[in-house]
Protein backbone atom coordinates (compact mmCIF):
# COMPACT_ATOMS: atom_id res chain seq x y z
CA MET A 1 16.60 -3.91 10.86
CA GLY A 2 14.24 -5.46 8.37
CA PHE A 3 14.58 -6.71 4.81
CA LEU A 4 12.52 -3.79 3.50
CA ASP A 5 13.92 -1.02 5.71
CA GLY A 6 13.19 2.34 4.14
CA LYS A 7 11.61 0.90 0.99
CA ASN A 8 8.34 2.27 -0.39
CA VAL A 9 6.00 -0.60 -1.26
CA LEU A 10 2.79 -0.10 -3.23
CA ILE A 11 0.05 -2.65 -2.46
CA SER A 12 -3.22 -2.76 -4.36
CA GLY A 13 -6.26 -4.45 -2.86
CA ALA A 14 -5.11 -3.55 0.63
CA SER A 15 -8.52 -4.08 2.23
CA GLY A 16 -8.75 -7.69 1.10
CA PHE A 17 -7.80 -10.67 3.25
CA ILE A 18 -4.42 -11.18 1.58
CA GLY A 19 -3.78 -7.44 1.13
CA GLN A 20 -4.23 -6.68 4.83
CA HIS A 21 -1.83 -9.43 5.84
CA LEU A 22 0.68 -8.36 3.20
CA CYS A 23 0.54 -4.74 4.38
CA ARG A 24 1.21 -5.75 7.98
CA LYS A 25 4.08 -8.03 6.97
CA VAL A 26 5.73 -5.34 4.83
CA ARG A 27 5.54 -2.89 7.76
CA GLU A 28 6.94 -5.56 10.09
CA LEU A 29 9.91 -5.91 7.72
CA GLY A 30 10.55 -2.16 7.80
CA GLY A 31 8.78 -1.12 4.62
CA TYR A 32 6.70 2.00 4.10
CA VAL A 33 3.28 0.88 2.78
CA HIS A 34 1.42 2.85 0.13
CA ALA A 35 -1.99 1.16 0.03
CA MET A 36 -4.25 1.47 -3.01
CA GLN A 37 -7.93 0.82 -2.51
CA HIS A 38 -11.19 1.81 -4.16
CA LYS A 39 -13.02 2.22 -0.85
CA ASN A 40 -11.95 3.26 2.62
CA ALA A 41 -12.06 -0.16 4.26
CA VAL A 42 -8.41 -0.68 5.19
CA PRO A 43 -7.59 -0.85 8.92
CA ASP A 44 -5.45 2.11 10.01
CA ASP A 45 -2.60 -0.11 11.21
CA CYS A 46 -2.06 -1.57 7.73
CA PHE A 47 -0.59 1.38 5.84
CA ASP A 48 1.49 4.52 6.03
CA LYS A 49 -0.26 6.25 3.12
CA LEU A 50 -3.66 5.38 1.62
CA TYR A 51 -4.71 6.15 -1.94
CA LEU A 52 -8.46 5.90 -2.56
CA MET A 53 -8.66 5.41 -6.31
CA ASP A 54 -9.88 3.44 -9.27
CA LEU A 55 -7.19 1.27 -10.89
CA ARG A 56 -8.82 1.92 -14.26
CA ASN A 57 -7.77 5.59 -14.02
CA LEU A 58 -4.26 5.59 -15.49
CA ASP A 59 -3.38 9.09 -14.24
CA GLU A 60 -4.15 8.12 -10.63
CA VAL A 61 -2.12 4.92 -10.97
CA ARG A 62 0.86 6.82 -12.34
CA MET A 63 0.72 9.21 -9.37
CA CYS A 64 0.86 6.28 -6.93
CA VAL A 65 3.60 4.38 -8.75
CA ALA A 66 5.83 7.46 -8.99
CA GLY A 67 6.53 7.33 -5.24
CA SER A 68 7.15 3.58 -4.98
CA GLU A 69 10.10 1.31 -5.64
């Protein structure tokens, strides 16, 4: 059992150095990772769901945030 068991966690910048490590750590702790990125450069083992989007688009951001805690 992990600290984040069953929790949905939204991480922006998931393809960056820190983002990739954060994604892996959240999954290690039992979390379900929703990764937000503007290009498809995130390793497949880093996330459970990937959103390719522009953070400047408020409608897309709202869609992502709606499923996270």
